[in-house]
Amino acid sequence: MEKGCTYGKKARIKSEVMKGKHKTISIDRIQDPEAPLRSDLSHEAVDDLVQSIKRIGIIEPLIVRKVGDDFEVIAGHRRLVASEIVGLTEVPCIVVEMDNEEAEIVKLHENLNRSDINPIDWANHLYHLKQQYQYSTAKLAEILGMSEAWVSQHLGILEYDPALLEGLKHNLIAFSSARELAQIKDPKTRGVYVKHAIVGGVTPKLAARWRKEANREPMKDQTVENVVPQENEEDSTLTVLPICPVCDHEIKPEEELRITIHQSCQPQQ
């Protein structure tokens, strides 16, 4: 799909939503989206919305499209689920005419700035779009209005270790921290840091420090060449101190910070 075509679709989508027909539709006639973005729509996940609907009802109509004799929700999936939990029999909707690709664009933009969407859900959905519509990373970035780096970083989640994925899934590790830990080269070492992060927590800054330290080449003793030993000099070998991955200065023994772990958890060389 060419760039101009994307802009044209966005303009048509905006026009279609503005002129869409406002209707009150029975809930039993509204289907879930064919490819939902969110994997968790349990009672607990929508409880905040349930309480809001109980107090003041649905403020923003759902956006739906006709599918046979029924309708498919395009935007407002959480509102639909919460309404069912509350016990509503009908909900306000805007009925639009959109193809599958246009419906996906609406879905993406509705959820783009929602902080409660798990990064793994974003990763899976972006991958689905790449496969379904043969989108490139650049095309996905253009549609979303995000950088190619943002798209690539989220798609990269699908390559994470199982432990790191579990931490992300259960919100035990922030995505910004997970990105740093995923870059630790040695799998065993990476596993140790991930476990430590899940149990004790980790900030993005600290995760970046762990990543730099874990990927540092082992420091070896170096000898000073072409130096004539002085009389009574016991050793002409100098021990090189490790370098701090944060400030790039040597670390004296008394200034070194260590992570305490079980001996059995230590990566095997």
C-alpha atoms as a PDB file:
ATOM      1  CA  MET A   1       0.000   0.000   0.000  1.00  0.00           C
ATOM      2  CA  GLU A   2       1.452   3.356  -1.046  1.00  0.00           C
ATOM      3  CA  LYS A   3       1.923   6.268   1.330  1.00  0.00           C
ATOM      4  CA  GLY A   4      -0.744   8.371  -0.363  1.00  0.00           C
ATOM      5  CA  CYS A   5      -3.150   5.484  -0.060  1.00  0.00           C
ATOM      6  CA  THR A   6      -2.633   5.409   3.706  1.00  0.00           C
ATOM      7  CA  TYR A   7      -3.371   9.119   4.037  1.00  0.00           C
ATOM      8  CA  GLY A   8      -6.422   8.649   1.826  1.00  0.00           C
ATOM      9  CA  LYS A   9      -7.696   5.862   4.045  1.00  0.00           C
ATOM     10  CA  LYS A  10      -7.210   7.960   7.182  1.00  0.00           C
ATOM     11  CA  ALA A  11      -9.178  10.808   5.630  1.00  0.00           C
ATOM     12  CA  ARG A  12     -11.963   8.446   4.582  1.00  0.00           C
ATOM     13  CA  ILE A  13     -12.067   6.869   8.052  1.00  0.00           C
ATOM     14  CA  LYS A  14     -12.432  10.294   9.694  1.00  0.00           C
ATOM     15  CA  SER A  15     -15.208  11.218   7.289  1.00  0.00           C
ATOM     16  CA  GLU A  16     -16.982   7.890   7.814  1.00  0.00           C
ATOM     17  CA  VAL A  17     -16.926   8.214  11.617  1.00  0.00           C
ATOM     18  CA  MET A  18     -18.250  11.789  11.425  1.00  0.00           C
ATOM     19  CA  LYS A  19     -21.159  10.831   9.176  1.00  0.00           C
ATOM     20  CA  GLY A  20     -21.804   7.435  10.799  1.00  0.00           C
ATOM     21  CA  LYS A  21     -25.325   6.663  11.936  1.00  0.00           C
ATOM     22  CA  HIS A  22     -25.993   6.868  15.670  1.00  0.00           C
ATOM     23  CA  LYS A  23     -28.058   3.914  16.829  1.00  0.00           C
ATOM     24  CA  THR A  24     -28.867   2.087  20.043  1.00  0.00           C
ATOM     25  CA  ILE A  25     -28.153  -1.584  19.376  1.00  0.00           C
ATOM     26  CA  SER A  26     -28.951  -4.710  21.362  1.00  0.00           C
ATOM     27  CA  ILE A  27     -25.805  -6.202  22.884  1.00  0.00           C
ATOM     28  CA  ASP A  28     -26.655  -9.682  21.649  1.00  0.00           C
ATOM     29  CA  ARG A  29     -26.333  -8.387  18.083  1.00  0.00           C
ATOM     30  CA  ILE A  30     -22.765  -7.078  18.553  1.00  0.00           C
ATOM     31  CA  GLN A  31     -19.861  -9.449  17.926  1.00  0.00           C
ATOM     32  CA  ASP A  32     -16.352  -9.233  19.316  1.00  0.00           C
ATOM     33  CA  PRO A  33     -13.679  -8.053  16.832  1.00  0.00           C
ATOM     34  CA  GLU A  34     -12.238 -10.799  14.665  1.00  0.00           C
ATOM     35  CA  ALA A  35      -8.694 -10.016  15.857  1.00  0.00           C
ATOM     36  CA  PRO A  36      -8.894  -8.294  19.270  1.00  0.00           C
ATOM     37  CA  LEU A  37      -5.880  -6.306  20.407  1.00  0.00           C
ATOM     38  CA  ARG A  38      -6.224  -7.175  24.094  1.00  0.00           C
ATOM     39  CA  SER A  39      -5.719 -10.717  25.365  1.00  0.00           C
ATOM     40  CA  ASP A  40      -7.070  -9.998  28.855  1.00  0.00           C
ATOM     41  CA  LEU A  41     -10.677  -8.842  29.054  1.00  0.00           C
ATOM     42  CA  SER A  42     -11.523 -10.576  32.328  1.00  0.00           C
ATOM     43  CA  HIS A  43     -13.860  -9.035  34.919  1.00  0.00           C
ATOM     44  CA  GLU A  44     -10.840  -7.757  36.823  1.00  0.00           C
ATOM     45  CA  ALA A  45      -9.333  -6.144  33.712  1.00  0.00           C
ATOM     46  CA  VAL A  46     -12.438  -4.031  33.036  1.00  0.00           C
ATOM     47  CA  ASP A  47     -13.550  -3.414  36.616  1.00  0.00           C
ATOM     48  CA  ASP A  48     -12.758   0.315  36.440  1.00  0.00           C
ATOM     49  CA  LEU A  49     -14.989   0.634  33.394  1.00  0.00           C
ATOM     50  CA  VAL A  50     -17.729  -1.457  35.014  1.00  0.00           C
ATOM     51  CA  GLN A  51     -17.831   0.911  37.983  1.00  0.00           C
ATOM     52  CA  SER A  52     -17.919   3.934  35.672  1.00  0.00           C
ATOM     53  CA  ILE A  53     -20.824   2.539  33.624  1.00  0.00           C
ATOM     54  CA  LYS A  54     -22.734   1.740  36.816  1.00  0.00           C
ATOM     55  CA  ARG A  55     -22.361   5.337  37.976  1.00  0.00           C
ATOM     56  CA  ILE A  56     -22.910   7.357  34.802  1.00  0.00           C
ATOM     57  CA  GLY A  57     -23.517   4.956  31.942  1.00  0.00           C
ATOM     58  CA  ILE A  58     -21.685   4.843  28.587  1.00  0.00           C
ATOM     59  CA  ILE A  59     -20.442   8.300  27.612  1.00  0.00           C
ATOM     60  CA  GLU A  60     -18.684   7.438  24.340  1.00  0.00           C
ATOM     61  CA  PRO A  61     -20.579   5.329  21.767  1.00  0.00           C
ATOM     62  CA  LEU A  62     -19.044   2.152  20.373  1.00  0.00           C
ATOM     63  CA  ILE A  63     -17.998   2.189  16.725  1.00  0.00           C
ATOM     64  CA  VAL A  64     -19.391  -0.834  14.885  1.00  0.00           C
ATOM     65  CA  ARG A  65     -19.826  -2.045  11.318  1.00  0.00           C
ATOM     66  CA  LYS A  66     -22.486  -4.235   9.747  1.00  0.00           C
ATOM     67  CA  VAL A  67     -21.629  -7.929   9.429  1.00  0.00           C
ATOM     68  CA  GLY A  68     -24.519  -9.869   7.903  1.00  0.00           C
ATOM     69  CA  ASP A  69     -27.556  -9.244  10.078  1.00  0.00           C
ATOM     70  CA  ASP A  70     -25.417  -8.297  13.080  1.00  0.00           C
ATOM     71  CA  PHE A  71     -22.592  -5.902  13.918  1.00  0.00           C
ATOM     72  CA  GLU A  72     -18.880  -6.178  14.740  1.00  0.00           C
ATOM     73  CA  VAL A  73     -17.315  -3.839  17.270  1.00  0.00           C
ATOM     74  CA  ILE A  74     -14.387  -1.853  15.847  1.00  0.00           C
ATOM     75  CA  ALA A  75     -13.700   0.539  18.723  1.00  0.00           C
ATOM     76  CA  GLY A  76     -15.048   0.062  22.225  1.00  0.00           C
ATOM     77  CA  HIS A  77     -14.424  -3.629  22.903  1.00  0.00           C
ATOM     78  CA  ARG A  78     -13.800  -2.992  26.619  1.00  0.00           C
ATOM     79  CA  ARG A  79     -16.999  -0.949  26.820  1.00  0.00           C
ATOM     80  CA  LEU A  80     -18.908  -3.834  25.285  1.00  0.00           C
ATOM     81  CA  VAL A  81     -17.502  -6.386  27.745  1.00  0.00           C
ATOM     82  CA  ALA A  82     -18.096  -4.070  30.719  1.00  0.00           C
ATOM     83  CA  SER A  83     -21.663  -3.401  29.570  1.00  0.00           C
ATOM     84  CA  GLU A  84     -22.349  -7.133  29.457  1.00  0.00           C
ATOM     85  CA  ILE A  85     -20.995  -7.502  33.007  1.00  0.00           C
ATOM     86  CA  VAL A  86     -23.163  -4.618  34.232  1.00  0.00           C
ATOM     87  CA  GLY A  87     -26.193  -6.259  32.646  1.00  0.00           C
ATOM     88  CA  LEU A  88     -27.067  -3.705  29.976  1.00  0.00           C
ATOM     89  CA  THR A  89     -29.179  -5.032  27.132  1.00  0.00           C
ATOM     90  CA  GLU A  90     -28.320  -2.315  24.604  1.00  0.00           C
ATOM     91  CA  VAL A  91     -25.567   0.241  24.019  1.00  0.00           C
ATOM     92  CA  PRO A  92     -25.139   3.459  21.983  1.00  0.00           C
ATOM     93  CA  CYS A  93     -23.204   2.924  18.748  1.00  0.00           C
ATOM     94  CA  ILE A  94     -21.982   4.688  15.628  1.00  0.00           C
ATOM     95  CA  VAL A  95     -22.506   2.463  12.580  1.00  0.00           C
ATOM     96  CA  VAL A  96     -19.862   2.934   9.875  1.00  0.00           C
ATOM     97  CA  GLU A  97     -18.913   1.299   6.583  1.00  0.00           C
ATOM     98  CA  MET A  98     -15.280   0.135   6.658  1.00  0.00           C
ATOM     99  CA  ASP A  99     -13.201  -2.650   5.161  1.00  0.00           C
ATOM    100  CA  ASN A 100     -10.970  -4.849   7.324  1.00  0.00           C
ATOM    101  CA  GLU A 101      -7.892  -2.669   6.884  1.00  0.00           C
ATOM    102  CA  GLU A 102      -9.714   0.533   7.797  1.00  0.00           C
ATOM    103  CA  ALA A 103     -11.223  -1.164  10.837  1.00  0.00           C
ATOM    104  CA  GLU A 104      -7.735  -2.172  11.986  1.00  0.00           C
ATOM    105  CA  ILE A 105      -6.472   1.399  11.657  1.00  0.00           C
ATOM    106  CA  VAL A 106      -9.330   2.657  13.857  1.00  0.00           C
ATOM    107  CA  LYS A 107      -8.634  -0.061  16.428  1.00  0.00           C
ATOM    108  CA  LEU A 108      -4.936   0.786  16.551  1.00  0.00           C
ATOM    109  CA  HIS A 109      -5.445   4.502  16.992  1.00  0.00           C
ATOM    110  CA  GLU A 110      -8.082   4.050  19.692  1.00  0.00           C
ATOM    111  CA  ASN A 111      -5.634   2.020  21.780  1.00  0.00           C
ATOM    112  CA  LEU A 112      -2.335   3.658  20.864  1.00  0.00           C
ATOM    113  CA  ASN A 113      -1.989   5.771  24.017  1.00  0.00           C
ATOM    114  CA  ARG A 114      -3.600   3.321  26.428  1.00  0.00           C
ATOM    115  CA  SER A 115      -0.990   2.535  29.072  1.00  0.00           C
ATOM    116  CA  ASP A 116      -2.900  -0.525  30.291  1.00  0.00           C
ATOM    117  CA  ILE A 117      -2.288  -2.525  27.106  1.00  0.00           C
ATOM    118  CA  ASN A 118       0.348  -5.163  27.683  1.00  0.00           C
ATOM    119  CA  PRO A 119       3.390  -4.827  25.396  1.00  0.00           C
ATOM    120  CA  ILE A 120       3.030  -8.498  24.455  1.00  0.00           C
ATOM    121  CA  ASP A 121      -0.464  -7.767  23.106  1.00  0.00           C
ATOM    122  CA  TRP A 122       0.998  -4.996  20.976  1.00  0.00           C
ATOM    123  CA  ALA A 123       3.715  -7.334  19.725  1.00  0.00           C
ATOM    124  CA  ASN A 124       1.275 -10.080  18.761  1.00  0.00           C
ATOM    125  CA  HIS A 125      -1.093  -7.679  17.039  1.00  0.00           C
ATOM    126  CA  LEU A 126       1.631  -5.930  15.079  1.00  0.00           C
ATOM    127  CA  TYR A 127       2.875  -9.323  13.923  1.00  0.00           C
ATOM    128  CA  HIS A 128      -0.686 -10.251  12.907  1.00  0.00           C
ATOM    129  CA  LEU A 129      -0.939  -7.089  10.804  1.00  0.00           C
ATOM    130  CA  LYS A 130       2.420  -7.758   9.128  1.00  0.00           C
ATOM    131  CA  GLN A 131       1.245 -11.222   8.144  1.00  0.00           C
ATOM    132  CA  GLN A 132      -2.335 -10.283   7.231  1.00  0.00           C
ATOM    133  CA  TYR A 133      -1.589  -7.211   5.110  1.00  0.00           C
ATOM    134  CA  GLN A 134       2.095  -7.738   4.302  1.00  0.00           C
ATOM    135  CA  TYR A 135       2.960  -4.489   6.053  1.00  0.00           C
ATOM    136  CA  SER A 136       6.584  -3.525   6.426  1.00  0.00           C
ATOM    137  CA  THR A 137       7.907  -2.056   9.673  1.00  0.00           C
ATOM    138  CA  ALA A 138       7.982   1.343   7.979  1.00  0.00           C
ATOM    139  CA  LYS A 139       4.334   1.014   6.908  1.00  0.00           C
ATOM    140  CA  LEU A 140       3.211   0.056  10.406  1.00  0.00           C
ATOM    141  CA  ALA A 141       5.096   3.037  11.804  1.00  0.00           C
ATOM    142  CA  GLU A 142       3.414   5.321   9.265  1.00  0.00           C
ATOM    143  CA  ILE A 143      -0.071   4.026  10.066  1.00  0.00           C
ATOM    144  CA  LEU A 144       0.472   4.371  13.809  1.00  0.00           C
ATOM    145  CA  GLY A 145       2.269   7.684  13.630  1.00  0.00           C
ATOM    146  CA  MET A 146       5.102   6.148  15.644  1.00  0.00           C
ATOM    147  CA  SER A 147       8.789   5.645  14.883  1.00  0.00           C
ATOM    148  CA  GLU A 148      10.115   2.559  13.137  1.00  0.00           C
ATOM    149  CA  ALA A 149      12.204   1.949  16.269  1.00  0.00           C
ATOM    150  CA  TRP A 150       9.014   1.766  18.373  1.00  0.00           C
ATOM    151  CA  VAL A 151       7.526  -0.829  16.028  1.00  0.00           C
ATOM    152  CA  SER A 152      10.760  -2.840  15.828  1.00  0.00           C
ATOM    153  CA  GLN A 153      11.176  -2.845  19.609  1.00  0.00           C
ATOM    154  CA  HIS A 154       7.663  -4.175  20.117  1.00  0.00           C
ATOM    155  CA  LEU A 155       8.014  -6.832  17.417  1.00  0.00           C
ATOM    156  CA  GLY A 156      11.295  -7.814  19.073  1.00  0.00           C
ATOM    157  CA  ILE A 157       9.344  -8.878  22.164  1.00  0.00           C
ATOM    158  CA  LEU A 158       8.350 -12.054  20.322  1.00  0.00           C
ATOM    159  CA  GLU A 159      12.012 -13.154  20.493  1.00  0.00           C
ATOM    160  CA  TYR A 160      12.330 -12.681  24.275  1.00  0.00           C
ATOM    161  CA  ASP A 161      13.153 -15.555  26.634  1.00  0.00           C
ATOM    162  CA  PRO A 162      10.131 -17.233  28.317  1.00  0.00           C
ATOM    163  CA  ALA A 163      11.075 -15.826  31.738  1.00  0.00           C
ATOM    164  CA  LEU A 164      11.240 -12.293  30.391  1.00  0.00           C
ATOM    165  CA  LEU A 165       7.913 -12.748  28.601  1.00  0.00           C
ATOM    166  CA  GLU A 166       6.328 -13.950  31.853  1.00  0.00           C
ATOM    167  CA  GLY A 167       7.636 -10.887  33.663  1.00  0.00           C
ATOM    168  CA  LEU A 168       6.129  -8.618  31.008  1.00  0.00           C
ATOM    169  CA  LYS A 169       2.854 -10.533  30.869  1.00  0.00           C
ATOM    170  CA  HIS A 170       2.250 -10.146  34.600  1.00  0.00           C
ATOM    171  CA  ASN A 171       3.564  -6.554  34.737  1.00  0.00           C
ATOM    172  CA  LEU A 172       6.498  -7.567  36.926  1.00  0.00           C
ATOM    173  CA  ILE A 173       8.981  -5.879  34.583  1.00  0.00           C
ATOM    174  CA  ALA A 174       8.415  -2.636  32.679  1.00  0.00           C
ATOM    175  CA  PHE A 175       8.930  -2.792  28.919  1.00  0.00           C
ATOM    176  CA  SER A 176      11.699  -0.178  29.097  1.00  0.00           C
ATOM    177  CA  SER A 177      13.590  -2.392  31.559  1.00  0.00           C
ATOM    178  CA  ALA A 178      12.859  -5.573  29.612  1.00  0.00           C
ATOM    179  CA  ARG A 179      14.388  -4.038  26.466  1.00  0.00           C
ATOM    180  CA  GLU A 180      17.661  -3.553  28.322  1.00  0.00           C
ATOM    181  CA  LEU A 181      17.719  -7.043  29.859  1.00  0.00           C
ATOM    182  CA  ALA A 182      16.914  -8.648  26.504  1.00  0.00           C
ATOM    183  CA  GLN A 183      20.204  -7.252  25.160  1.00  0.00           C
ATOM    184  CA  ILE A 184      22.344  -9.217  27.614  1.00  0.00           C
ATOM    185  CA  LYS A 185      24.223 -11.542  25.293  1.00  0.00           C
ATOM    186  CA  ASP A 186      24.837 -14.626  27.419  1.00  0.00           C
ATOM    187  CA  PRO A 187      21.559 -16.557  28.009  1.00  0.00           C
ATOM    188  CA  LYS A 188      22.546 -17.860  31.461  1.00  0.00           C
ATOM    189  CA  THR A 189      23.675 -14.462  32.644  1.00  0.00           C
ATOM    190  CA  ARG A 190      20.521 -12.911  31.197  1.00  0.00           C
ATOM    191  CA  GLY A 191      18.418 -15.432  33.100  1.00  0.00           C
ATOM    192  CA  VAL A 192      20.070 -14.486  36.400  1.00  0.00           C
ATOM    193  CA  TYR A 193      19.400 -10.788  35.902  1.00  0.00           C
ATOM    194  CA  VAL A 194      15.794 -11.413  34.816  1.00  0.00           C
ATOM    195  CA  LYS A 195      15.105 -13.475  37.945  1.00  0.00           C
ATOM    196  CA  HIS A 196      16.689 -10.793  40.100  1.00  0.00           C
ATOM    197  CA  ALA A 197      14.561  -8.114  38.384  1.00  0.00           C
ATOM    198  CA  ILE A 198      11.319 -10.052  38.902  1.00  0.00           C
ATOM    199  CA  VAL A 199      12.015 -10.735  42.580  1.00  0.00           C
ATOM    200  CA  GLY A 200      13.577  -7.431  43.591  1.00  0.00           C
ATOM    201  CA  GLY A 201      12.368  -5.022  40.927  1.00  0.00           C
ATOM    202  CA  VAL A 202      14.487  -2.965  38.548  1.00  0.00           C
ATOM    203  CA  THR A 203      14.378   0.531  37.078  1.00  0.00           C
ATOM    204  CA  PRO A 204      15.225   1.157  33.412  1.00  0.00           C
ATOM    205  CA  LYS A 205      18.427   2.947  34.494  1.00  0.00           C
ATOM    206  CA  LEU A 206      19.558   0.031  36.633  1.00  0.00           C
ATOM    207  CA  ALA A 207      18.610  -2.469  33.905  1.00  0.00           C
ATOM    208  CA  ALA A 208      20.801  -0.504  31.474  1.00  0.00           C
ATOM    209  CA  ARG A 209      23.654  -0.664  33.973  1.00  0.00           C
ATOM    210  CA  TRP A 210      23.236  -4.435  34.352  1.00  0.00           C
ATOM    211  CA  ARG A 211      23.220  -4.814  30.574  1.00  0.00           C
ATOM    212  CA  LYS A 212      26.456  -2.849  30.193  1.00  0.00           C
ATOM    213  CA  GLU A 213      28.177  -4.738  32.984  1.00  0.00           C
ATOM    214  CA  ALA A 214      26.994  -8.176  31.772  1.00  0.00           C
ATOM    215  CA  ASN A 215      28.194  -7.562  28.217  1.00  0.00           C
ATOM    216  CA  ARG A 216      31.607  -6.210  29.221  1.00  0.00           C
ATOM    217  CA  GLU A 217      34.530  -8.355  28.077  1.00  0.00           C
ATOM    218  CA  PRO A 218      36.342 -10.056  30.998  1.00  0.00           C
ATOM    219  CA  MET A 219      39.161  -7.890  32.277  1.00  0.00           C
ATOM    220  CA  LYS A 220      42.592  -9.546  32.137  1.00  0.00           C
ATOM    221  CA  ASP A 221      45.841  -8.590  33.829  1.00  0.00           C
ATOM    222  CA  GLN A 222      48.058  -6.651  31.471  1.00  0.00           C
ATOM    223  CA  THR A 223      51.858  -6.292  31.673  1.00  0.00           C
ATOM    224  CA  VAL A 224      53.753  -3.136  30.925  1.00  0.00           C
ATOM    225  CA  GLU A 225      55.999  -3.889  27.984  1.00  0.00           C
ATOM    226  CA  ASN A 226      59.418  -2.440  27.236  1.00  0.00           C
ATOM    227  CA  VAL A 227      60.016  -1.411  30.822  1.00  0.00           C
ATOM    228  CA  VAL A 228      63.344  -2.270  32.437  1.00  0.00           C
ATOM    229  CA  PRO A 229      62.747  -3.739  35.902  1.00  0.00           C
ATOM    230  CA  GLN A 230      64.189  -1.638  38.661  1.00  0.00           C
ATOM    231  CA  GLU A 231      66.481  -3.085  41.256  1.00  0.00           C
ATOM    232  CA  ASN A 232      64.592  -4.831  44.047  1.00  0.00           C
ATOM    233  CA  GLU A 233      61.384  -4.454  42.076  1.00  0.00           C
ATOM    234  CA  GLU A 234      59.294  -7.482  42.970  1.00  0.00           C
ATOM    235  CA  ASP A 235      56.714  -7.302  40.169  1.00  0.00           C
ATOM    236  CA  SER A 236      56.398  -5.327  36.982  1.00  0.00           C
ATOM    237  CA  THR A 237      52.849  -6.576  36.327  1.00  0.00           C
ATOM    238  CA  LEU A 238      50.012  -4.112  36.818  1.00  0.00           C
ATOM    239  CA  THR A 239      46.490  -5.288  37.661  1.00  0.00           C
ATOM    240  CA  VAL A 240      43.913  -3.436  35.619  1.00  0.00           C
ATOM    241  CA  LEU A 241      40.793  -2.505  37.549  1.00  0.00           C
ATOM    242  CA  PRO A 242      37.342  -3.138  36.038  1.00  0.00           C
ATOM    243  CA  ILE A 243      35.594  -0.210  34.365  1.00  0.00           C
ATOM    244  CA  CYS A 244      32.228   1.092  35.588  1.00  0.00           C
ATOM    245  CA  PRO A 245      29.650   0.686  32.770  1.00  0.00           C
ATOM    246  CA  VAL A 246      27.919   3.900  33.848  1.00  0.00           C
ATOM    247  CA  CYS A 247      30.735   6.472  34.223  1.00  0.00           C
ATOM    248  CA  ASP A 248      33.549   4.581  32.440  1.00  0.00           C
ATOM    249  CA  HIS A 249      35.981   5.114  35.345  1.00  0.00           C
ATOM    250  CA  GLU A 250      37.962   2.417  37.108  1.00  0.00           C
ATOM    251  CA  ILE A 251      36.236   0.707  40.035  1.00  0.00           C
ATOM    252  CA  LYS A 252      38.284   0.406  43.184  1.00  0.00           C
ATOM    253  CA  PRO A 253      37.585  -2.721  45.266  1.00  0.00           C
ATOM    254  CA  GLU A 254      35.943  -0.719  48.046  1.00  0.00           C
ATOM    255  CA  GLU A 255      33.668   1.044  45.513  1.00  0.00           C
ATOM    256  CA  GLU A 256      32.436  -2.037  43.697  1.00  0.00           C
ATOM    257  CA  LEU A 257      28.717  -2.877  43.806  1.00  0.00           C
ATOM    258  CA  ARG A 258      27.815  -6.537  43.642  1.00  0.00           C
ATOM    259  CA  ILE A 259      24.511  -8.368  43.139  1.00  0.00           C
ATOM    260  CA  THR A 260      23.966 -11.051  45.783  1.00  0.00           C
ATOM    261  CA  ILE A 261      22.657 -14.353  44.417  1.00  0.00           C
ATOM    262  CA  HIS A 262      22.742 -18.037  45.362  1.00  0.00           C
ATOM    263  CA  GLN A 263      25.876 -19.837  44.286  1.00  0.00           C
ATOM    264  CA  SER A 264      23.743 -22.330  42.337  1.00  0.00           C
ATOM    265  CA  CYS A 265      22.141 -19.436  40.412  1.00  0.00           C
ATOM    266  CA  GLN A 266      25.461 -18.086  39.199  1.00  0.00           C
ATOM    267  CA  PRO A 267      26.041 -18.491  35.454  1.00  0.00           C
ATOM    268  CA  GLN A 268      28.358 -21.367  34.678  1.00  0.00           C
ATOM    269  CA  GLN A 269      31.425 -20.480  32.638  1.00  0.00           C
END
